[in-house]
């Protein structure tokens, strides 16, 4: 006998993750990828969906991503939030995003 008990929540979560991987277009970045806007380079977001919406002139698919953009840091010297008080979700073509493959590590403080 196994001591491992079935966890219906964990099983459902694993099933959803597997279906999301299968539904993602070939060549798309993984969900959860951190991106920056090509138009607003200081703006960060997270990819949470991908789809093929168009084709380029050679007939290759252009992948579009749903991105949830993060609020700007209120402590920064900027004039205020770029998108107002509510989070912004947009659909961006793959060439309108800057992909952060290796997010910067926290700076170590010297004591």
PDB file of N, CA and C in Angstrom:
ATOM      1  N   UNK A   1       0.829  -1.201   0.000  1.00  0.00           N
ATOM      2  CA  UNK A   1       0.000   0.000   0.000  1.00  0.00           C
ATOM      3  C   UNK A   1       0.860   1.246   0.000  1.00  0.00           C
ATOM      4  N   UNK A   2       0.346   2.258  -0.568  1.00  0.00           N
ATOM      5  CA  UNK A   2       1.056   3.524  -0.637  1.00  0.00           C
ATOM      6  C   UNK A   2       0.523   4.486   0.413  1.00  0.00           C
ATOM      7  N   UNK A   3       1.441   5.248   1.024  1.00  0.00           N
ATOM      8  CA  UNK A   3       1.037   6.262   2.000  1.00  0.00           C
ATOM      9  C   UNK A   3       0.544   7.529   1.304  1.00  0.00           C
ATOM     10  N   UNK A   4       0.788   7.609   0.016  1.00  0.00           N
ATOM     11  CA  UNK A   4       0.421   8.796  -0.748  1.00  0.00           C
ATOM     12  C   UNK A   4      -1.097   8.839  -0.955  1.00  0.00           C
ATOM     13  N   UNK A   5      -1.704   9.948  -0.535  1.00  0.00           N
ATOM     14  CA  UNK A   5      -3.146  10.113  -0.683  1.00  0.00           C
ATOM     15  C   UNK A   5      -3.428  10.930  -1.936  1.00  0.00           C
ATOM     16  N   UNK A   6      -4.564  10.661  -2.562  1.00  0.00           N
ATOM     17  CA  UNK A   6      -4.967  11.437  -3.724  1.00  0.00           C
ATOM     18  C   UNK A   6      -5.388  12.829  -3.274  1.00  0.00           C
ATOM     19  N   UNK A   7      -4.941  13.804  -4.022  1.00  0.00           N
ATOM     20  CA  UNK A   7      -5.305  15.183  -3.752  1.00  0.00           C
ATOM     21  C   UNK A   7      -6.033  15.698  -4.987  1.00  0.00           C
ATOM     22  N   UNK A   8      -7.361  15.808  -4.950  1.00  0.00           N
ATOM     23  CA  UNK A   8      -8.110  16.210  -6.147  1.00  0.00           C
ATOM     24  C   UNK A   8      -7.724  17.605  -6.643  1.00  0.00           C
ATOM     25  N   UNK A   9      -7.394  18.517  -5.737  1.00  0.00           N
ATOM     26  CA  UNK A   9      -6.984  19.859  -6.153  1.00  0.00           C
ATOM     27  C   UNK A   9      -5.675  19.799  -6.929  1.00  0.00           C
ATOM     28  N   UNK A  10      -4.697  19.077  -6.414  1.00  0.00           N
ATOM     29  CA  UNK A  10      -3.400  18.948  -7.076  1.00  0.00           C
ATOM     30  C   UNK A  10      -3.553  18.245  -8.426  1.00  0.00           C
ATOM     31  N   UNK A  11      -4.391  17.208  -8.474  1.00  0.00           N
ATOM     32  CA  UNK A  11      -4.637  16.515  -9.740  1.00  0.00           C
ATOM     33  C   UNK A  11      -5.265  17.451 -10.776  1.00  0.00           C
ATOM     34  N   UNK A  12      -6.225  18.268 -10.347  1.00  0.00           N
ATOM     35  CA  UNK A  12      -6.885  19.211 -11.258  1.00  0.00           C
ATOM     36  C   UNK A  12      -5.899  20.272 -11.736  1.00  0.00           C
ATOM     37  N   UNK A  13      -5.029  20.748 -10.824  1.00  0.00           N
ATOM     38  CA  UNK A  13      -4.038  21.749 -11.198  1.00  0.00           C
ATOM     39  C   UNK A  13      -3.046  21.179 -12.210  1.00  0.00           C
ATOM     40  N   UNK A  14      -2.580  19.972 -12.001  1.00  0.00           N
ATOM     41  CA  UNK A  14      -1.657  19.331 -12.946  1.00  0.00           C
ATOM     42  C   UNK A  14      -2.319  19.151 -14.310  1.00  0.00           C
ATOM     43  N   UNK A  15      -3.600  18.793 -14.319  1.00  0.00           N
ATOM     44  CA  UNK A  15      -4.337  18.624 -15.563  1.00  0.00           C
ATOM     45  C   UNK A  15      -4.462  19.959 -16.310  1.00  0.00           C
ATOM     46  N   UNK A  16      -4.741  21.040 -15.576  1.00  0.00           N
ATOM     47  CA  UNK A  16      -4.858  22.363 -16.199  1.00  0.00           C
ATOM     48  C   UNK A  16      -3.524  22.810 -16.781  1.00  0.00           C
ATOM     49  N   UNK A  17      -2.433  22.567 -16.068  1.00  0.00           N
ATOM     50  CA  UNK A  17      -1.110  22.955 -16.563  1.00  0.00           C
ATOM     51  C   UNK A  17      -0.769  22.179 -17.829  1.00  0.00           C
ATOM     52  N   UNK A  18      -1.081  20.896 -17.843  1.00  0.00           N
ATOM     53  CA  UNK A  18      -0.801  20.074 -19.025  1.00  0.00           C
ATOM     54  C   UNK A  18      -1.624  20.548 -20.227  1.00  0.00           C
ATOM     55  N   UNK A  19      -2.905  20.859 -20.011  1.00  0.00           N
ATOM     56  CA  UNK A  19      -3.751  21.350 -21.106  1.00  0.00           C
ATOM     57  C   UNK A  19      -3.267  22.701 -21.611  1.00  0.00           C
ATOM     58  N   UNK A  20      -2.785  23.565 -20.700  1.00  0.00           N
ATOM     59  CA  UNK A  20      -2.261  24.872 -21.109  1.00  0.00           C
ATOM     60  C   UNK A  20      -1.024  24.696 -21.977  1.00  0.00           C
ATOM     61  N   UNK A  21      -0.158  23.752 -21.637  1.00  0.00           N
ATOM     62  CA  UNK A  21       1.029  23.486 -22.449  1.00  0.00           C
ATOM     63  C   UNK A  21       0.631  22.989 -23.834  1.00  0.00           C
ATOM     64  N   UNK A  22      -0.386  22.140 -23.899  1.00  0.00           N
ATOM     65  CA  UNK A  22      -0.829  21.595 -25.181  1.00  0.00           C
ATOM     66  C   UNK A  22      -1.500  22.656 -26.046  1.00  0.00           C
ATOM     67  N   UNK A  23      -2.191  23.609 -25.420  1.00  0.00           N
ATOM     68  CA  UNK A  23      -2.916  24.643 -26.157  1.00  0.00           C
ATOM     69  C   UNK A  23      -2.017  25.783 -26.623  1.00  0.00           C
ATOM     70  N   UNK A  24      -0.835  25.919 -26.033  1.00  0.00           N
ATOM     71  CA  UNK A  24       0.074  27.016 -26.383  1.00  0.00           C
ATOM     72  C   UNK A  24       0.606  26.787 -27.793  1.00  0.00           C
ATOM     73  N   UNK A  25       0.587  27.823 -28.651  1.00  0.00           N
ATOM     74  CA  UNK A  25       1.100  27.656 -30.018  1.00  0.00           C
ATOM     75  C   UNK A  25       2.574  27.252 -30.032  1.00  0.00           C
ATOM     76  N   UNK A  26       2.951  26.494 -31.048  1.00  0.00           N
ATOM     77  CA  UNK A  26       4.338  26.071 -31.189  1.00  0.00           C
ATOM     78  C   UNK A  26       5.227  27.310 -31.336  1.00  0.00           C
ATOM     79  N   UNK A  27       6.291  27.355 -30.573  1.00  0.00           N
ATOM     80  CA  UNK A  27       7.215  28.476 -30.626  1.00  0.00           C
ATOM     81  C   UNK A  27       6.888  29.614 -29.675  1.00  0.00           C
ATOM     82  N   UNK A  28       5.772  29.514 -28.956  1.00  0.00           N
ATOM     83  CA  UNK A  28       5.392  30.570 -28.014  1.00  0.00           C
ATOM     84  C   UNK A  28       6.207  30.443 -26.726  1.00  0.00           C
ATOM     85  N   UNK A  29       6.445  31.586 -26.086  1.00  0.00           N
ATOM     86  CA  UNK A  29       7.146  31.553 -24.807  1.00  0.00           C
ATOM     87  C   UNK A  29       6.220  30.950 -23.752  1.00  0.00           C
ATOM     88  N   UNK A  30       6.770  30.379 -22.687  1.00  0.00           N
ATOM     89  CA  UNK A  30       5.929  29.794 -21.638  1.00  0.00           C
ATOM     90  C   UNK A  30       5.093  30.854 -20.920  1.00  0.00           C
ATOM     91  N   UNK A  31       3.935  30.444 -20.451  1.00  0.00           N
ATOM     92  CA  UNK A  31       3.109  31.337 -19.650  1.00  0.00           C
ATOM     93  C   UNK A  31       3.889  31.683 -18.385  1.00  0.00           C
ATOM     94  N   UNK A  32       3.759  32.925 -17.964  1.00  0.00           N
ATOM     95  CA  UNK A  32       4.511  33.391 -16.810  1.00  0.00           C
ATOM     96  C   UNK A  32       5.810  34.079 -17.181  1.00  0.00           C
ATOM     97  N   UNK A  33       6.141  34.129 -18.490  1.00  0.00           N
ATOM     98  CA  UNK A  33       7.363  34.794 -18.924  1.00  0.00           C
ATOM     99  C   UNK A  33       7.264  36.289 -18.642  1.00  0.00           C
ATOM    100  N   UNK A  34       8.332  36.845 -18.096  1.00  0.00           N
ATOM    101  CA  UNK A  34       8.386  38.275 -17.813  1.00  0.00           C
ATOM    102  C   UNK A  34       8.794  39.000 -19.095  1.00  0.00           C
ATOM    103  N   UNK A  35       8.063  40.064 -19.425  1.00  0.00           N
ATOM    104  CA  UNK A  35       8.333  40.829 -20.638  1.00  0.00           C
ATOM    105  C   UNK A  35       8.379  42.322 -20.323  1.00  0.00           C
ATOM    106  N   UNK A  36       8.954  43.060 -21.262  1.00  0.00           N
ATOM    107  CA  UNK A  36       8.919  44.515 -21.205  1.00  0.00           C
ATOM    108  C   UNK A  36       8.281  45.003 -22.488  1.00  0.00           C
ATOM    109  N   UNK A  37       7.704  46.171 -22.428  1.00  0.00           N
ATOM    110  CA  UNK A  37       7.072  46.767 -23.603  1.00  0.00           C
ATOM    111  C   UNK A  37       8.126  47.418 -24.484  1.00  0.00           C
ATOM    112  N   UNK A  38       8.058  47.183 -25.785  1.00  0.00           N
ATOM    113  CA  UNK A  38       8.977  47.841 -26.715  1.00  0.00           C
ATOM    114  C   UNK A  38       8.666  49.339 -26.792  1.00  0.00           C
ATOM    115  N   UNK A  39       7.399  49.712 -26.614  1.00  0.00           N
ATOM    116  CA  UNK A  39       7.017  51.127 -26.659  1.00  0.00           C
ATOM    117  C   UNK A  39       7.339  51.864 -25.367  1.00  0.00           C
ATOM    118  N   UNK A  40       7.177  51.166 -24.231  1.00  0.00           N
ATOM    119  CA  UNK A  40       7.437  51.739 -22.911  1.00  0.00           C
ATOM    120  C   UNK A  40       8.431  50.834 -22.191  1.00  0.00           C
ATOM    121  N   UNK A  41       9.723  50.919 -22.487  1.00  0.00           N
ATOM    122  CA  UNK A  41      10.709  49.949 -21.997  1.00  0.00           C
ATOM    123  C   UNK A  41      10.807  49.811 -20.479  1.00  0.00           C
ATOM    124  N   UNK A  42      10.329  50.786 -19.725  1.00  0.00           N
ATOM    125  CA  UNK A  42      10.390  50.665 -18.265  1.00  0.00           C
ATOM    126  C   UNK A  42       9.176  49.930 -17.705  1.00  0.00           C
ATOM    127  N   UNK A  43       8.252  49.542 -18.562  1.00  0.00           N
ATOM    128  CA  UNK A  43       7.022  48.872 -18.135  1.00  0.00           C
ATOM    129  C   UNK A  43       7.191  47.359 -18.237  1.00  0.00           C
ATOM    130  N   UNK A  44       6.917  46.658 -17.144  1.00  0.00           N
ATOM    131  CA  UNK A  44       7.071  45.202 -17.067  1.00  0.00           C
ATOM    132  C   UNK A  44       5.708  44.528 -17.063  1.00  0.00           C
ATOM    133  N   UNK A  45       5.648  43.313 -17.612  1.00  0.00           N
ATOM    134  CA  UNK A  45       4.408  42.556 -17.608  1.00  0.00           C
ATOM    135  C   UNK A  45       4.688  41.067 -17.569  1.00  0.00           C
ATOM    136  N   UNK A  46       3.613  40.285 -17.510  1.00  0.00           N
ATOM    137  CA  UNK A  46       3.698  38.829 -17.447  1.00  0.00           C
ATOM    138  C   UNK A  46       2.768  38.239 -18.505  1.00  0.00           C
ATOM    139  N   UNK A  47       3.301  37.322 -19.314  1.00  0.00           N
ATOM    140  CA  UNK A  47       2.512  36.635 -20.344  1.00  0.00           C
ATOM    141  C   UNK A  47       1.614  35.599 -19.671  1.00  0.00           C
ATOM    142  N   UNK A  48       0.326  35.631 -20.001  1.00  0.00           N
ATOM    143  CA  UNK A  48      -0.555  34.609 -19.439  1.00  0.00           C
ATOM    144  C   UNK A  48      -1.391  33.876 -20.493  1.00  0.00           C
ATOM    145  N   UNK A  49      -1.252  34.237 -21.760  1.00  0.00           N
ATOM    146  CA  UNK A  49      -1.954  33.507 -22.810  1.00  0.00           C
ATOM    147  C   UNK A  49      -1.236  33.777 -24.131  1.00  0.00           C
ATOM    148  N   UNK A  50      -1.377  32.867 -25.074  1.00  0.00           N
ATOM    149  CA  UNK A  50      -0.755  33.026 -26.393  1.00  0.00           C
ATOM    150  C   UNK A  50      -1.704  32.511 -27.457  1.00  0.00           C
ATOM    151  N   UNK A  51      -1.658  33.156 -28.615  1.00  0.00           N
ATOM    152  CA  UNK A  51      -2.512  32.752 -29.720  1.00  0.00           C
ATOM    153  C   UNK A  51      -1.883  33.187 -31.031  1.00  0.00           C
ATOM    154  N   UNK A  52      -2.283  32.565 -32.121  1.00  0.00           N
ATOM    155  CA  UNK A  52      -1.839  32.983 -33.450  1.00  0.00           C
ATOM    156  C   UNK A  52      -2.957  33.828 -34.039  1.00  0.00           C
ATOM    157  N   UNK A  53      -2.626  35.072 -34.365  1.00  0.00           N
ATOM    158  CA  UNK A  53      -3.654  35.987 -34.865  1.00  0.00           C
ATOM    159  C   UNK A  53      -3.461  36.375 -36.317  1.00  0.00           C
ATOM    160  N   UNK A  54      -2.231  36.339 -36.811  1.00  0.00           N
ATOM    161  CA  UNK A  54      -1.956  36.767 -38.182  1.00  0.00           C
ATOM    162  C   UNK A  54      -0.809  35.959 -38.749  1.00  0.00           C
ATOM    163  N   UNK A  55      -0.474  36.259 -40.013  1.00  0.00           N
ATOM    164  CA  UNK A  55       0.692  35.668 -40.657  1.00  0.00           C
ATOM    165  C   UNK A  55       1.541  36.794 -41.227  1.00  0.00           C
ATOM    166  N   UNK A  56       2.870  36.566 -41.262  1.00  0.00           N
ATOM    167  CA  UNK A  56       3.736  37.570 -41.869  1.00  0.00           C
ATOM    168  C   UNK A  56       3.708  37.419 -43.387  1.00  0.00           C
ATOM    169  N   UNK A  57       4.508  38.181 -44.093  1.00  0.00           N
ATOM    170  CA  UNK A  57       4.490  38.176 -45.562  1.00  0.00           C
ATOM    171  C   UNK A  57       4.953  36.844 -46.144  1.00  0.00           C
ATOM    172  N   UNK A  58       5.707  36.078 -45.356  1.00  0.00           N
ATOM    173  CA  UNK A  58       6.182  34.768 -45.819  1.00  0.00           C
ATOM    174  C   UNK A  58       5.225  33.639 -45.447  1.00  0.00           C
ATOM    175  N   UNK A  59       4.118  33.983 -44.798  1.00  0.00           N
ATOM    176  CA  UNK A  59       3.149  32.963 -44.398  1.00  0.00           C
ATOM    177  C   UNK A  59       3.432  32.323 -43.049  1.00  0.00           C
ATOM    178  N   UNK A  60       4.441  32.825 -42.336  1.00  0.00           N
ATOM    179  CA  UNK A  60       4.742  32.298 -41.005  1.00  0.00           C
ATOM    180  C   UNK A  60       3.778  32.899 -39.991  1.00  0.00           C
ATOM    181  N   UNK A  61       3.336  32.119 -39.002  1.00  0.00           N
ATOM    182  CA  UNK A  61       2.403  32.653 -38.015  1.00  0.00           C
ATOM    183  C   UNK A  61       3.058  33.706 -37.123  1.00  0.00           C
ATOM    184  N   UNK A  62       2.283  34.715 -36.782  1.00  0.00           N
ATOM    185  CA  UNK A  62       2.704  35.728 -35.818  1.00  0.00           C
ATOM    186  C   UNK A  62       1.976  35.431 -34.517  1.00  0.00           C
ATOM    187  N   UNK A  63       2.748  35.199 -33.476  1.00  0.00           N
ATOM    188  CA  UNK A  63       2.157  34.873 -32.176  1.00  0.00           C
ATOM    189  C   UNK A  63       1.841  36.162 -31.437  1.00  0.00           C
ATOM    190  N   UNK A  64       0.642  36.230 -30.881  1.00  0.00           N
ATOM    191  CA  UNK A  64       0.248  37.352 -30.032  1.00  0.00           C
ATOM    192  C   UNK A  64       0.083  36.840 -28.616  1.00  0.00           C
ATOM    193  N   UNK A  65       0.396  37.704 -27.663  1.00  0.00           N
ATOM    194  CA  UNK A  65       0.350  37.322 -26.250  1.00  0.00           C
ATOM    195  C   UNK A  65      -0.576  38.234 -25.470  1.00  0.00           C
ATOM    196  N   UNK A  66      -1.321  37.650 -24.538  1.00  0.00           N
ATOM    197  CA  UNK A  66      -2.049  38.447 -23.555  1.00  0.00           C
ATOM    198  C   UNK A  66      -1.064  38.728 -22.432  1.00  0.00           C
ATOM    199  N   UNK A  67      -0.932  40.009 -22.097  1.00  0.00           N
ATOM    200  CA  UNK A  67       0.041  40.426 -21.090  1.00  0.00           C
ATOM    201  C   UNK A  67      -0.678  41.237 -20.022  1.00  0.00           C
ATOM    202  N   UNK A  68      -0.403  40.891 -18.776  1.00  0.00           N
ATOM    203  CA  UNK A  68      -0.882  41.679 -17.649  1.00  0.00           C
ATOM    204  C   UNK A  68       0.272  42.575 -17.224  1.00  0.00           C
ATOM    205  N   UNK A  69       0.079  43.890 -17.362  1.00  0.00           N
ATOM    206  CA  UNK A  69       1.148  44.844 -17.074  1.00  0.00           C
ATOM    207  C   UNK A  69       1.150  45.219 -15.610  1.00  0.00           C
ATOM    208  N   UNK A  70       2.332  45.363 -15.062  1.00  0.00           N
ATOM    209  CA  UNK A  70       2.503  45.700 -13.649  1.00  0.00           C
ATOM    210  C   UNK A  70       2.464  47.209 -13.462  1.00  0.00           C
ATOM    211  N   UNK A  71       2.044  47.614 -12.284  1.00  0.00           N
ATOM    212  CA  UNK A  71       2.028  49.029 -11.939  1.00  0.00           C
ATOM    213  C   UNK A  71       3.455  49.537 -11.818  1.00  0.00           C
ATOM    214  N   UNK A  72       3.652  50.803 -12.110  1.00  0.00           N
ATOM    215  CA  UNK A  72       4.948  51.410 -11.879  1.00  0.00           C
ATOM    216  C   UNK A  72       5.158  51.568 -10.383  1.00  0.00           C
ATOM    217  N   UNK A  73       6.403  51.609  -9.978  1.00  0.00           N
ATOM    218  CA  UNK A  73       6.749  51.773  -8.572  1.00  0.00           C
ATOM    219  C   UNK A  73       6.390  53.192  -8.133  1.00  0.00           C
ATOM    220  N   UNK A  74       5.500  53.340  -7.131  1.00  0.00           N
ATOM    221  CA  UNK A  74       5.105  54.690  -6.710  1.00  0.00           C
ATOM    222  C   UNK A  74       6.264  55.471  -6.098  1.00  0.00           C
ATOM    223  N   UNK A  75       7.334  54.780  -5.691  1.00  0.00           N
ATOM    224  CA  UNK A  75       8.475  55.471  -5.093  1.00  0.00           C
ATOM    225  C   UNK A  75       9.417  56.039  -6.146  1.00  0.00           C
ATOM    226  N   UNK A  76       9.179  55.697  -7.405  1.00  0.00           N
ATOM    227  CA  UNK A  76      10.072  56.167  -8.470  1.00  0.00           C
ATOM    228  C   UNK A  76       9.871  57.656  -8.708  1.00  0.00           C
ATOM    229  N   UNK A  77      10.741  58.235  -9.471  1.00  0.00           N
ATOM    230  CA  UNK A  77      10.678  59.672  -9.760  1.00  0.00           C
ATOM    231  C   UNK A  77       9.762  59.997 -10.928  1.00  0.00           C
ATOM    232  N   UNK A  78       8.984  59.020 -11.391  1.00  0.00           N
ATOM    233  CA  UNK A  78       8.109  59.273 -12.536  1.00  0.00           C
ATOM    234  C   UNK A  78       6.923  60.143 -12.129  1.00  0.00           C
ATOM    235  N   UNK A  79       6.206  60.610 -13.124  1.00  0.00           N
ATOM    236  CA  UNK A  79       5.077  61.511 -12.883  1.00  0.00           C
ATOM    237  C   UNK A  79       3.824  60.797 -12.409  1.00  0.00           C
ATOM    238  N   UNK A  80       3.833  59.503 -12.336  1.00  0.00           N
ATOM    239  CA  UNK A  80       2.659  58.766 -11.893  1.00  0.00           C
ATOM    240  C   UNK A  80       2.503  57.495 -12.694  1.00  0.00           C
ATOM    241  N   UNK A  81       1.510  56.671 -12.344  1.00  0.00           N
ATOM    242  CA  UNK A  81       1.309  55.419 -13.062  1.00  0.00           C
ATOM    243  C   UNK A  81       1.010  55.662 -14.536  1.00  0.00           C
ATOM    244  N   UNK A  82       1.602  54.847 -15.371  1.00  0.00           N
ATOM    245  CA  UNK A  82       1.416  54.986 -16.812  1.00  0.00           C
ATOM    246  C   UNK A  82      -0.016  54.653 -17.228  1.00  0.00           C
ATOM    247  N   UNK A  83      -0.623  53.659 -16.584  1.00  0.00           N
ATOM    248  CA  UNK A  83      -1.940  53.179 -17.000  1.00  0.00           C
ATOM    249  C   UNK A  83      -3.042  53.473 -15.994  1.00  0.00           C
ATOM    250  N   UNK A  84      -2.815  54.291 -15.006  1.00  0.00           N
ATOM    251  CA  UNK A  84      -3.838  54.604 -14.028  1.00  0.00           C
ATOM    252  C   UNK A  84      -3.862  53.611 -12.883  1.00  0.00           C
ATOM    253  N   UNK A  85      -4.888  53.669 -12.033  1.00  0.00           N
ATOM    254  CA  UNK A  85      -4.910  52.865 -10.804  1.00  0.00           C
ATOM    255  C   UNK A  85      -5.242  51.385 -11.010  1.00  0.00           C
ATOM    256  N   UNK A  86      -5.805  51.005 -12.146  1.00  0.00           N
ATOM    257  CA  UNK A  86      -6.170  49.599 -12.347  1.00  0.00           C
ATOM    258  C   UNK A  86      -5.155  48.898 -13.237  1.00  0.00           C
ATOM    259  N   UNK A  87      -4.935  47.594 -13.022  1.00  0.00           N
ATOM    260  CA  UNK A  87      -3.993  46.860 -13.887  1.00  0.00           C
ATOM    261  C   UNK A  87      -4.488  46.851 -15.332  1.00  0.00           C
ATOM    262  N   UNK A  88      -3.556  46.851 -16.238  1.00  0.00           N
ATOM    263  CA  UNK A  88      -3.900  46.849 -17.652  1.00  0.00           C
ATOM    264  C   UNK A  88      -3.533  45.511 -18.267  1.00  0.00           C
ATOM    265  N   UNK A  89      -4.436  44.957 -19.054  1.00  0.00           N
ATOM    266  CA  UNK A  89      -4.197  43.729 -19.795  1.00  0.00           C
ATOM    267  C   UNK A  89      -4.339  44.066 -21.272  1.00  0.00           C
ATOM    268  N   UNK A  90      -3.318  43.708 -22.057  1.00  0.00           N
ATOM    269  CA  UNK A  90      -3.353  43.984 -23.493  1.00  0.00           C
ATOM    270  C   UNK A  90      -2.955  42.736 -24.267  1.00  0.00           C
ATOM    271  N   UNK A  91      -3.238  42.746 -25.560  1.00  0.00           N
ATOM    272  CA  UNK A  91      -2.774  41.695 -26.466  1.00  0.00           C
ATOM    273  C   UNK A  91      -1.698  42.337 -27.335  1.00  0.00           C
ATOM    274  N   UNK A  92      -0.498  41.760 -27.281  1.00  0.00           N
ATOM    275  CA  UNK A  92       0.659  42.317 -27.968  1.00  0.00           C
ATOM    276  C   UNK A  92       1.230  41.301 -28.947  1.00  0.00           C
ATOM    277  N   UNK A  93       1.632  41.764 -30.121  1.00  0.00           N
ATOM    278  CA  UNK A  93       2.310  40.888 -31.077  1.00  0.00           C
ATOM    279  C   UNK A  93       3.706  40.566 -30.553  1.00  0.00           C
ATOM    280  N   UNK A  94       4.228  39.420 -30.969  1.00  0.00           N
ATOM    281  CA  UNK A  94       5.509  38.951 -30.437  1.00  0.00           C
ATOM    282  C   UNK A  94       6.648  39.935 -30.659  1.00  0.00           C
ATOM    283  N   UNK A  95       6.607  40.707 -31.732  1.00  0.00           N
ATOM    284  CA  UNK A  95       7.686  41.643 -32.006  1.00  0.00           C
ATOM    285  C   UNK A  95       7.522  42.970 -31.264  1.00  0.00           C
ATOM    286  N   UNK A  96       6.448  43.144 -30.502  1.00  0.00           N
ATOM    287  CA  UNK A  96       6.248  44.347 -29.702  1.00  0.00           C
ATOM    288  C   UNK A  96       6.704  44.159 -28.256  1.00  0.00           C
ATOM    289  N   UNK A  97       7.291  42.993 -27.963  1.00  0.00           N
ATOM    290  CA  UNK A  97       7.707  42.692 -26.593  1.00  0.00           C
ATOM    291  C   UNK A  97       9.204  42.443 -26.531  1.00  0.00           C
ATOM    292  N   UNK A  98       9.785  42.744 -25.380  1.00  0.00           N
ATOM    293  CA  UNK A  98      11.171  42.428 -25.078  1.00  0.00           C
ATOM    294  C   UNK A  98      11.116  41.300 -24.059  1.00  0.00           C
ATOM    295  N   UNK A  99      11.698  40.158 -24.383  1.00  0.00           N
ATOM    296  CA  UNK A  99      11.597  38.982 -23.531  1.00  0.00           C
ATOM    297  C   UNK A  99      12.740  38.955 -22.535  1.00  0.00           C
ATOM    298  N   UNK A 100      12.405  38.827 -21.275  1.00  0.00           N
ATOM    299  CA  UNK A 100      13.403  38.761 -20.220  1.00  0.00           C
ATOM    300  C   UNK A 100      13.641  37.282 -19.930  1.00  0.00           C
ATOM    301  N   UNK A 101      14.720  36.752 -20.471  1.00  0.00           N
ATOM    302  CA  UNK A 101      14.993  35.329 -20.324  1.00  0.00           C
ATOM    303  C   UNK A 101      15.628  35.016 -18.981  1.00  0.00           C
ATOM    304  N   UNK A 102      16.410  35.939 -18.462  1.00  0.00           N
ATOM    305  CA  UNK A 102      17.048  35.750 -17.166  1.00  0.00           C
ATOM    306  C   UNK A 102      16.777  36.993 -16.332  1.00  0.00           C
ATOM    307  N   UNK A 103      15.725  36.979 -15.492  1.00  0.00           N
ATOM    308  CA  UNK A 103      15.412  38.166 -14.694  1.00  0.00           C
ATOM    309  C   UNK A 103      16.596  38.542 -13.803  1.00  0.00           C
ATOM    310  N   UNK A 104      16.802  39.837 -13.580  1.00  0.00           N
ATOM    311  CA  UNK A 104      17.914  40.258 -12.739  1.00  0.00           C
ATOM    312  C   UNK A 104      17.744  39.757 -11.305  1.00  0.00           C
ATOM    313  N   UNK A 105      18.848  39.365 -10.698  1.00  0.00           N
ATOM    314  CA  UNK A 105      18.816  38.912  -9.305  1.00  0.00           C
ATOM    315  C   UNK A 105      18.780  40.130  -8.399  1.00  0.00           C
ATOM    316  N   UNK A 106      18.275  39.919  -7.180  1.00  0.00           N
ATOM    317  CA  UNK A 106      18.273  40.981  -6.181  1.00  0.00           C
ATOM    318  C   UNK A 106      19.710  41.356  -5.873  1.00  0.00           C
ATOM    319  N   UNK A 107      19.974  42.627  -5.757  1.00  0.00           N
ATOM    320  CA  UNK A 107      21.309  43.068  -5.396  1.00  0.00           C
ATOM    321  C   UNK A 107      21.569  42.702  -3.939  1.00  0.00           C
ATOM    322  N   UNK A 108      22.728  42.168  -3.696  1.00  0.00           N
ATOM    323  CA  UNK A 108      23.087  41.846  -2.332  1.00  0.00           C
ATOM    324  C   UNK A 108      23.539  43.119  -1.640  1.00  0.00           C
ATOM    325  N   UNK A 109      23.063  43.312  -0.426  1.00  0.00           N
ATOM    326  CA  UNK A 109      23.484  44.488   0.332  1.00  0.00           C
ATOM    327  C   UNK A 109      24.671  44.104   1.194  1.00  0.00           C
ATOM    328  N   UNK A 110      25.599  44.997   1.229  1.00  0.00           N
ATOM    329  CA  UNK A 110      26.786  44.771   2.050  1.00  0.00           C
ATOM    330  C   UNK A 110      26.555  45.391   3.408  1.00  0.00           C
ATOM    331  N   UNK A 111      26.819  44.620   4.458  1.00  0.00           N
ATOM    332  CA  UNK A 111      26.537  45.124   5.812  1.00  0.00           C
ATOM    333  C   UNK A 111      27.713  45.537   6.594  1.00  0.00           C
TER     334      UNK A 111
END
